[in-house]
Amino acid sequence: MKAICVNESRKLELRDIPSPSAPPSGYINVKIAAASINEGDKTFLKLPAAALASLASGARLEDVWGASAAGTVTQIGANTPTAYLGRKVAIYRGLKPDDAVLGLWCEMVQLPFEACLLLPDDIEAKDYSGSLVNVVTAYAFLEQVAVEGHHGVIVTAGNSATGRAMAVLARRRGMPTLFIVRSEKAKEEVLKGGAEAEHVLSSSHPDFTRDLEKKARELGTTAVFDGVGGTLISRMLGALPPRSSIFFYGFLSGAEKVEFPSAAFMTKDFTMRRFSNFNTVTVRERLGDMLKDLEGCIQDPLFATTLGKEFEPEQIEAAMEYDGGSKKAVVIFSK
């Protein structure tokens, strides 16, 4: 079967590899319809293999790349719920972080059924071919910060796919949320998703830090979900409420430094740390409960992958270079 694999030079190439055999206990075979390319797929590819081993989940059999995809279940192993057979599923490989399985950029994958979310029959699988990682990240984050005693969230990449997922899930919980965007156009897009106007702040506005300080204090948003980093966090620090925690999960700002006076941490009791969804209690210990909960709301339009240009597996180089803004390149494996 066709598979997009990573070679020793950390480059992607199309190979022909053996198709999976019959699935063992707890596993399923999924015919992949499409795989969307997320930022993580590009970022982790740039890392040396040794560094990747400490960050990413389980070994990739046959060196197949890709963490997100969607398709249809064709076979199930023993001790697998029969409800999976023949169903469309969204897949996020990181949901079973200790299992050595194929990456998802191939025609057929074999993996634990718990790495998949059942999708409604009346939707196209490709519309969720990059979604589950974002939905899981937002869900696991909200679970964790609630346990830690936070009552409100600030999302620095407010118009990102994970930001949109956060909007849906925080609303379901009744958790106050502030969304930070980089432009008025992005603000309009977030507002279309149902956010309250006063809860969406543009970092390009001259009164940004003043407005952030006022709204963060009013809403008690002490958990910062940061996918940007760099100078944005440096600007925000003085406006955050005491005992705020900043969780880094992305780095849209690239190599920009986060700079701050140490006194800010001493006087306001701030904390900073990395956030990794596959290391949370939710994914490690309550995965089934989370997936069942998400089945009931996955049809929300804000959870769907924002698709851009479609590519064939043979066009993987062009797909990786595609820049569609908020729209993602999607590799089509079957129709």
Protein backbone atom coordinates (compact mmCIF):
# COMPACT_ATOMS: atom_id res chain seq x y z
CA MET A 1 0.00 0.00 0.00
CA LYS A 2 1.01 3.65 -0.43
CA ALA A 3 2.52 5.29 2.63
CA ILE A 4 4.24 8.61 3.28
CA CYS A 5 7.34 7.85 5.32
CA VAL A 6 10.19 9.80 6.91
CA ASN A 7 13.74 8.88 5.89
CA GLU A 8 17.05 9.24 7.75
CA SER A 9 17.46 12.80 6.44
CA ARG A 10 14.11 13.79 8.03
CA LYS A 11 12.51 14.13 4.58
CA LEU A 12 9.20 12.64 3.52
CA GLU A 13 8.97 10.13 0.68
CA LEU A 14 6.27 7.91 -0.80
CA ARG A 15 6.88 4.19 -0.31
CA ASP A 16 5.08 0.94 -0.90
CA ILE A 17 4.77 -1.00 2.37
CA PRO A 18 2.85 -4.14 3.40
CA SER A 19 -0.79 -3.66 4.33
CA PRO A 20 -1.78 -4.54 7.90
CA SER A 21 -2.85 -8.10 8.66
CA ALA A 22 -5.98 -8.97 10.64
CA PRO A 23 -6.15 -6.77 13.77
CA PRO A 24 -5.20 -8.29 17.15
CA SER A 25 -7.24 -7.90 20.31
CA GLY A 26 -8.31 -4.31 20.97
CA TYR A 27 -7.17 -3.14 17.53
CA ILE A 28 -8.96 -2.10 14.36
CA ASN A 29 -8.03 -1.64 10.70
CA VAL A 30 -9.07 1.67 9.16
CA LYS A 31 -9.14 2.53 5.46
CA ILE A 32 -7.88 6.10 5.43
CA ALA A 33 -9.95 8.58 3.45
CA ALA A 34 -7.87 11.69 4.13
CA ALA A 35 -5.18 13.13 6.36
CA SER A 36 -4.90 16.84 7.07
CA ILE A 37 -1.51 18.39 7.72
CA ASN A 38 -1.27 20.10 11.10
CA GLU A 39 1.51 22.39 12.29
CA GLY A 40 2.79 19.64 14.57
CA ASP A 41 3.39 17.39 11.56
CA LYS A 42 5.74 20.02 10.14
CA THR A 43 7.37 21.02 13.43
CA PHE A 44 8.20 17.51 14.65
CA LEU A 45 9.63 16.61 11.24
CA LYS A 46 12.32 19.25 11.75
CA LEU A 47 13.45 17.73 15.04
CA PRO A 48 16.22 15.11 15.26
CA ALA A 49 14.87 11.62 15.83
CA ALA A 50 16.39 11.51 19.33
CA ALA A 51 14.63 14.72 20.36
CA LEU A 52 11.35 13.52 18.86
CA ALA A 53 11.46 10.35 20.94
CA SER A 54 11.15 12.38 24.15
CA LEU A 55 8.24 14.46 22.87
CA ALA A 56 6.04 12.33 20.69
CA SER A 57 4.04 9.17 21.20
CA GLY A 58 5.07 5.54 20.51
CA ALA A 59 7.37 4.25 17.77
CA ARG A 60 6.21 4.70 14.17
CA LEU A 61 6.16 1.35 12.43
CA GLU A 62 7.64 1.42 8.90
CA ASP A 63 8.56 5.09 9.56
CA VAL A 64 5.08 6.16 8.39
CA TRP A 65 4.45 9.82 9.26
CA GLY A 66 1.28 11.61 10.36
CA ALA A 67 -0.67 11.98 13.59
CA SER A 68 -4.16 12.86 12.31
CA ALA A 69 -6.51 11.33 9.76
CA ALA A 70 -10.02 9.99 9.23
CA GLY A 71 -11.48 6.98 7.49
CA THR A 72 -13.71 3.91 7.77
CA VAL A 73 -13.21 0.86 9.99
CA THR A 74 -12.92 -2.29 7.85
CA GLN A 75 -11.95 -4.90 10.47
CA ILE A 76 -12.03 -5.20 14.24
CA GLY A 77 -10.09 -7.48 16.56
CA ALA A 78 -11.34 -9.37 19.59
CA ASN A 79 -12.37 -7.32 22.63
CA THR A 80 -13.29 -4.38 20.41
CA PRO A 81 -16.80 -2.89 20.56
CA THR A 82 -18.76 -4.08 17.52
CA ALA A 83 -20.09 -0.53 17.10
CA TYR A 84 -16.79 0.37 15.39
CA LEU A 85 -17.16 -2.01 12.46
CA GLY A 86 -18.07 -0.13 9.28
CA ARG A 87 -18.13 3.26 11.01
CA LYS A 88 -16.37 6.47 10.03
CA VAL A 89 -13.81 7.59 12.58
CA ALA A 90 -11.57 10.56 13.29
CA ILE A 91 -8.14 9.41 14.42
CA TYR A 92 -5.47 10.96 16.62
CA ARG A 93 -2.46 8.69 17.00
CA GLY A 94 -1.38 10.32 20.29
CA LEU A 95 -4.40 8.98 22.17
CA LYS A 96 -2.55 5.71 22.83
CA PRO A 97 0.89 7.21 23.44
CA ASP A 98 2.72 4.04 24.45
CA ASP A 99 1.68 1.87 21.51
CA ALA A 100 3.99 1.27 18.54
CA VAL A 101 1.71 1.69 15.51
CA LEU A 102 1.80 2.97 11.96
CA GLY A 103 1.72 6.68 11.36
CA LEU A 104 -1.55 7.72 9.73
CA TRP A 105 -0.42 8.93 6.31
CA CYS A 106 -1.07 5.66 4.47
CA GLU A 107 -3.91 3.81 2.80
CA MET A 108 -4.70 1.46 5.69
CA VAL A 109 -3.77 1.72 9.37
CA GLN A 110 -3.98 -0.67 12.28
CA LEU A 111 -4.21 0.85 15.72
CA PRO A 112 -6.05 0.60 19.08
CA PHE A 113 -9.74 1.41 18.76
CA GLU A 114 -9.34 3.95 21.58
CA ALA A 115 -7.27 6.17 19.27
CA CYS A 116 -10.46 6.82 17.28
CA LEU A 117 -13.64 8.82 17.75
CA LEU A 118 -16.82 7.51 16.15
CA LEU A 119 -18.28 10.01 13.68
CA PRO A 120 -21.91 10.45 12.62
CA ASP A 121 -22.83 8.54 9.45
CA ASP A 122 -24.03 11.63 7.59
CA ILE A 123 -20.71 13.50 7.45
CA GLU A 124 -17.66 13.14 5.23
CA ALA A 125 -14.68 11.64 7.01
CA LYS A 126 -12.26 14.10 5.40
CA ASP A 127 -14.07 16.98 7.13
CA TYR A 128 -12.65 15.64 10.41
CA SER A 129 -9.28 14.50 9.06
CA GLY A 130 -7.32 16.97 11.21
CA SER A 131 -9.76 17.69 14.02
CA LEU A 132 -9.38 15.18 16.81
CA VAL A 133 -5.98 16.39 18.00
CA ASN A 134 -7.38 19.89 18.50
CA VAL A 135 -10.55 18.74 20.22
CA VAL A 136 -8.66 16.39 22.54
CA THR A 137 -6.09 19.07 23.40
CA ALA A 138 -8.80 21.56 24.36
CA TYR A 139 -10.80 18.96 26.31
CA ALA A 140 -7.82 17.64 28.26
CA PHE A 141 -6.63 21.16 29.03
CA LEU A 142 -9.98 22.24 30.46
CA GLU A 143 -10.14 19.07 32.57
CA GLN A 144 -6.66 19.67 33.96
CA VAL A 145 -7.00 23.35 34.82
CA ALA A 146 -10.37 22.79 36.48
CA VAL A 147 -8.79 20.18 38.76
CA GLU A 148 -5.96 22.62 39.51
CA GLY A 149 -8.43 25.24 40.69
CA HIS A 150 -8.61 27.60 37.72
CA HIS A 151 -12.02 29.05 36.88
CA GLY A 152 -11.34 30.84 33.59
CA VAL A 153 -9.08 30.56 30.54
CA ILE A 154 -7.19 32.88 28.18
CA VAL A 155 -6.53 31.46 24.69
CA THR A 156 -3.70 33.27 22.92
CA ALA A 157 -4.32 31.73 19.49
CA GLY A 158 -8.01 32.49 19.63
CA ASN A 159 -8.76 31.87 15.95
CA SER A 160 -6.76 28.64 15.67
CA ALA A 161 -8.40 25.22 15.29
CA THR A 162 -7.64 24.46 18.94
CA GLY A 163 -8.95 27.87 19.94
CA ARG A 164 -12.25 27.17 18.18
CA ALA A 165 -12.49 23.78 19.89
CA MET A 166 -11.81 25.50 23.21
CA ALA A 167 -14.68 27.91 22.56
CA VAL A 168 -17.17 25.06 22.19
CA LEU A 169 -15.96 23.03 25.16
CA ALA A 170 -15.54 25.98 27.53
CA ARG A 171 -19.06 27.13 26.68
CA ARG A 172 -20.40 23.66 27.53
CA ARG A 173 -18.70 23.87 30.91
CA GLY A 174 -19.75 27.45 31.58
CA MET A 175 -16.08 28.40 31.96
CA PRO A 176 -15.30 32.09 31.18
CA THR A 177 -12.84 32.41 28.30
CA LEU A 178 -10.93 35.26 26.70
CA PHE A 179 -9.77 34.84 23.11
CA ILE A 180 -6.77 36.79 21.82
CA VAL A 181 -6.43 37.33 18.09
CA ARG A 182 -3.93 39.22 15.94
CA SER A 183 -6.25 41.26 13.71
CA GLU A 184 -9.75 42.66 13.42
CA LYS A 185 -10.46 40.18 10.63
CA ALA A 186 -9.60 37.29 12.95
CA LYS A 187 -11.77 38.85 15.62
CA GLU A 188 -14.74 38.84 13.25
CA GLU A 189 -14.19 35.15 12.53
CA VAL A 190 -14.14 34.27 16.24
CA LEU A 191 -17.31 36.28 16.81
CA LYS A 192 -19.04 34.30 14.06
CA GLY A 193 -18.35 31.21 16.16
CA GLY A 194 -20.48 32.57 18.99
CA ALA A 195 -17.95 34.27 21.27
CA GLU A 196 -19.06 37.43 23.06
CA ALA A 197 -17.55 40.58 21.55
CA GLU A 198 -16.12 41.77 24.87
CA HIS A 199 -14.36 38.42 25.31
CA VAL A 200 -12.35 38.70 22.08
CA LEU A 201 -9.30 40.97 22.24
CA SER A 202 -7.02 41.97 19.37
CA SER A 203 -3.35 42.13 20.30
CA SER A 204 -2.89 44.79 17.61
CA HIS A 205 -5.26 47.22 19.38
CA PRO A 206 -3.47 50.07 21.19
CA ASP A 207 -5.42 49.37 24.41
CA PHE A 208 -4.83 45.62 24.33
CA THR A 209 -2.99 45.22 27.66
CA ARG A 210 -5.35 47.59 29.46
CA ASP A 211 -8.40 45.71 28.18
CA LEU A 212 -6.81 42.35 28.96
CA GLU A 213 -6.06 43.33 32.55
CA LYS A 214 -9.63 44.58 33.07
CA LYS A 215 -11.39 41.54 31.55
CA ALA A 216 -9.03 38.96 33.07
CA ARG A 217 -9.64 40.42 36.52
CA GLU A 218 -13.43 40.50 35.99
CA LEU A 219 -13.63 36.92 34.68
CA GLY A 220 -10.92 35.34 36.81
CA THR A 221 -9.10 33.90 33.81
CA THR A 222 -5.94 32.59 35.43
CA ALA A 223 -5.12 29.68 33.07
CA VAL A 224 -3.37 30.82 29.88
CA PHE A 225 -3.50 28.36 26.99
CA ASP A 226 -0.64 29.60 24.84
CA GLY A 227 -0.01 28.58 21.25
CA VAL A 228 1.90 31.74 20.30
CA GLY A 229 4.67 32.50 22.81
CA GLY A 230 7.29 35.18 22.15
CA THR A 231 6.61 38.87 22.61
CA LEU A 232 2.86 38.33 23.05
CA ILE A 233 3.42 36.54 26.36
CA SER A 234 5.97 39.20 27.36
CA ARG A 235 3.33 41.89 26.78
CA MET A 236 0.61 39.97 28.61
CA LEU A 237 2.44 39.18 31.85
CA GLY A 238 1.82 42.51 33.55
CA ALA A 239 -1.91 42.25 32.78
CA LEU A 240 -2.51 38.76 34.15
CA PRO A 241 -4.22 38.20 37.51
CA PRO A 242 -2.15 36.92 40.45
CA ARG A 243 -1.49 33.15 40.56
CA SER A 244 -1.92 32.78 36.82
CA SER A 245 -0.43 29.74 35.10
CA ILE A 246 0.85 29.87 31.52
CA PHE A 247 0.71 26.57 29.63
CA PHE A 248 2.76 26.42 26.41
CA TYR A 249 1.40 24.09 23.74
CA GLY A 250 2.57 25.78 20.52
CA PHE A 251 4.97 28.36 19.14
CA LEU A 252 3.43 30.34 16.29
CA SER A 253 5.86 33.16 17.09
CA GLY A 254 8.78 30.95 16.08
CA ALA A 255 12.09 31.91 17.66
CA GLU A 256 10.80 35.04 19.41
CA LYS A 257 11.89 35.16 23.03
CA VAL A 258 9.62 35.45 26.04
CA GLU A 259 11.20 38.12 28.24
CA PHE A 260 10.05 39.28 31.65
CA PRO A 261 11.34 40.67 34.96
CA SER A 262 11.68 37.98 37.61
CA ALA A 263 9.84 40.31 40.00
CA ALA A 264 6.62 39.63 38.07
CA PHE A 265 6.79 36.00 39.16
CA MET A 266 7.77 36.85 42.72
CA THR A 267 5.01 39.40 43.26
CA LYS A 268 2.18 37.66 41.34
CA ASP A 269 3.10 34.00 41.95
CA PHE A 270 3.03 33.03 38.24
CA THR A 271 3.93 29.61 36.87
CA MET A 272 4.96 28.53 33.35
CA ARG A 273 5.04 25.00 31.96
CA ARG A 274 4.61 22.86 28.89
CA PHE A 275 1.22 21.32 28.10
CA SER A 276 1.08 17.94 26.39
CA ASN A 277 -2.32 16.34 25.87
CA PHE A 278 -1.05 12.77 25.81
CA ASN A 279 0.52 13.18 29.25
CA THR A 280 -2.69 14.30 30.95
CA VAL A 281 -4.76 12.23 33.35
CA THR A 282 -7.69 12.60 30.94
CA VAL A 283 -5.89 10.81 28.10
CA ARG A 284 -3.96 8.37 30.29
CA GLU A 285 -6.75 7.31 32.65
CA ARG A 286 -10.14 8.56 31.41
CA LEU A 287 -9.82 8.20 27.65
CA GLY A 288 -13.02 6.20 27.15
CA ASP A 289 -15.11 8.68 29.12
CA MET A 290 -13.72 11.59 27.10
CA LEU A 291 -14.41 9.91 23.75
CA LYS A 292 -17.96 9.04 24.76
CA ASP A 293 -18.56 12.64 25.86
CA LEU A 294 -17.14 14.00 22.59
CA GLU A 295 -19.30 11.69 20.48
CA GLY A 296 -22.29 13.69 21.66
CA CYS A 297 -21.01 17.04 20.40
CA ILE A 298 -18.50 16.34 17.61
CA GLN A 299 -20.94 17.56 14.95
CA ASP A 300 -20.51 21.15 16.11
CA PRO A 301 -19.24 23.04 13.00
CA LEU A 302 -16.38 24.57 15.01
CA PHE A 303 -14.89 21.09 15.46
CA ALA A 304 -14.63 20.38 11.73
CA THR A 305 -11.25 20.68 10.02
CA THR A 306 -10.91 23.87 7.98
CA LEU A 307 -9.85 22.35 4.69
CA GLY A 308 -7.81 24.03 2.01
CA LYS A 309 -6.29 22.44 -1.11
CA GLU A 310 -6.45 18.70 -1.71
CA PHE A 311 -3.34 16.72 -2.69
CA GLU A 312 -2.53 13.18 -3.80
CA PRO A 313 0.05 11.21 -1.76
CA GLU A 314 2.52 11.68 -4.63
CA GLN A 315 2.27 15.45 -4.06
CA ILE A 316 3.38 15.37 -0.42
CA GLU A 317 6.19 17.91 -0.98
CA ALA A 318 3.75 20.47 -2.36
CA ALA A 319 1.26 19.64 0.39
CA MET A 320 3.84 20.34 3.09
CA GLU A 321 4.72 23.69 1.48
CA TYR A 322 1.08 24.75 1.08
CA ASP A 323 0.17 27.89 3.00
CA GLY A 324 -3.57 28.32 3.19
CA GLY A 325 -3.62 30.56 6.25
CA SER A 326 -6.11 28.95 8.61
CA LYS A 327 -6.99 26.33 5.97
CA LYS A 328 -5.12 23.04 5.98
CA ALA A 329 -3.67 20.97 3.19
CA VAL A 330 -5.35 17.59 3.03
CA VAL A 331 -3.90 14.42 1.48
CA ILE A 332 -6.56 12.22 -0.11
CA PHE A 333 -5.94 8.47 0.15
CA SER A 334 -9.33 7.13 -0.98
CA LYS A 335 -12.63 8.49 -2.26
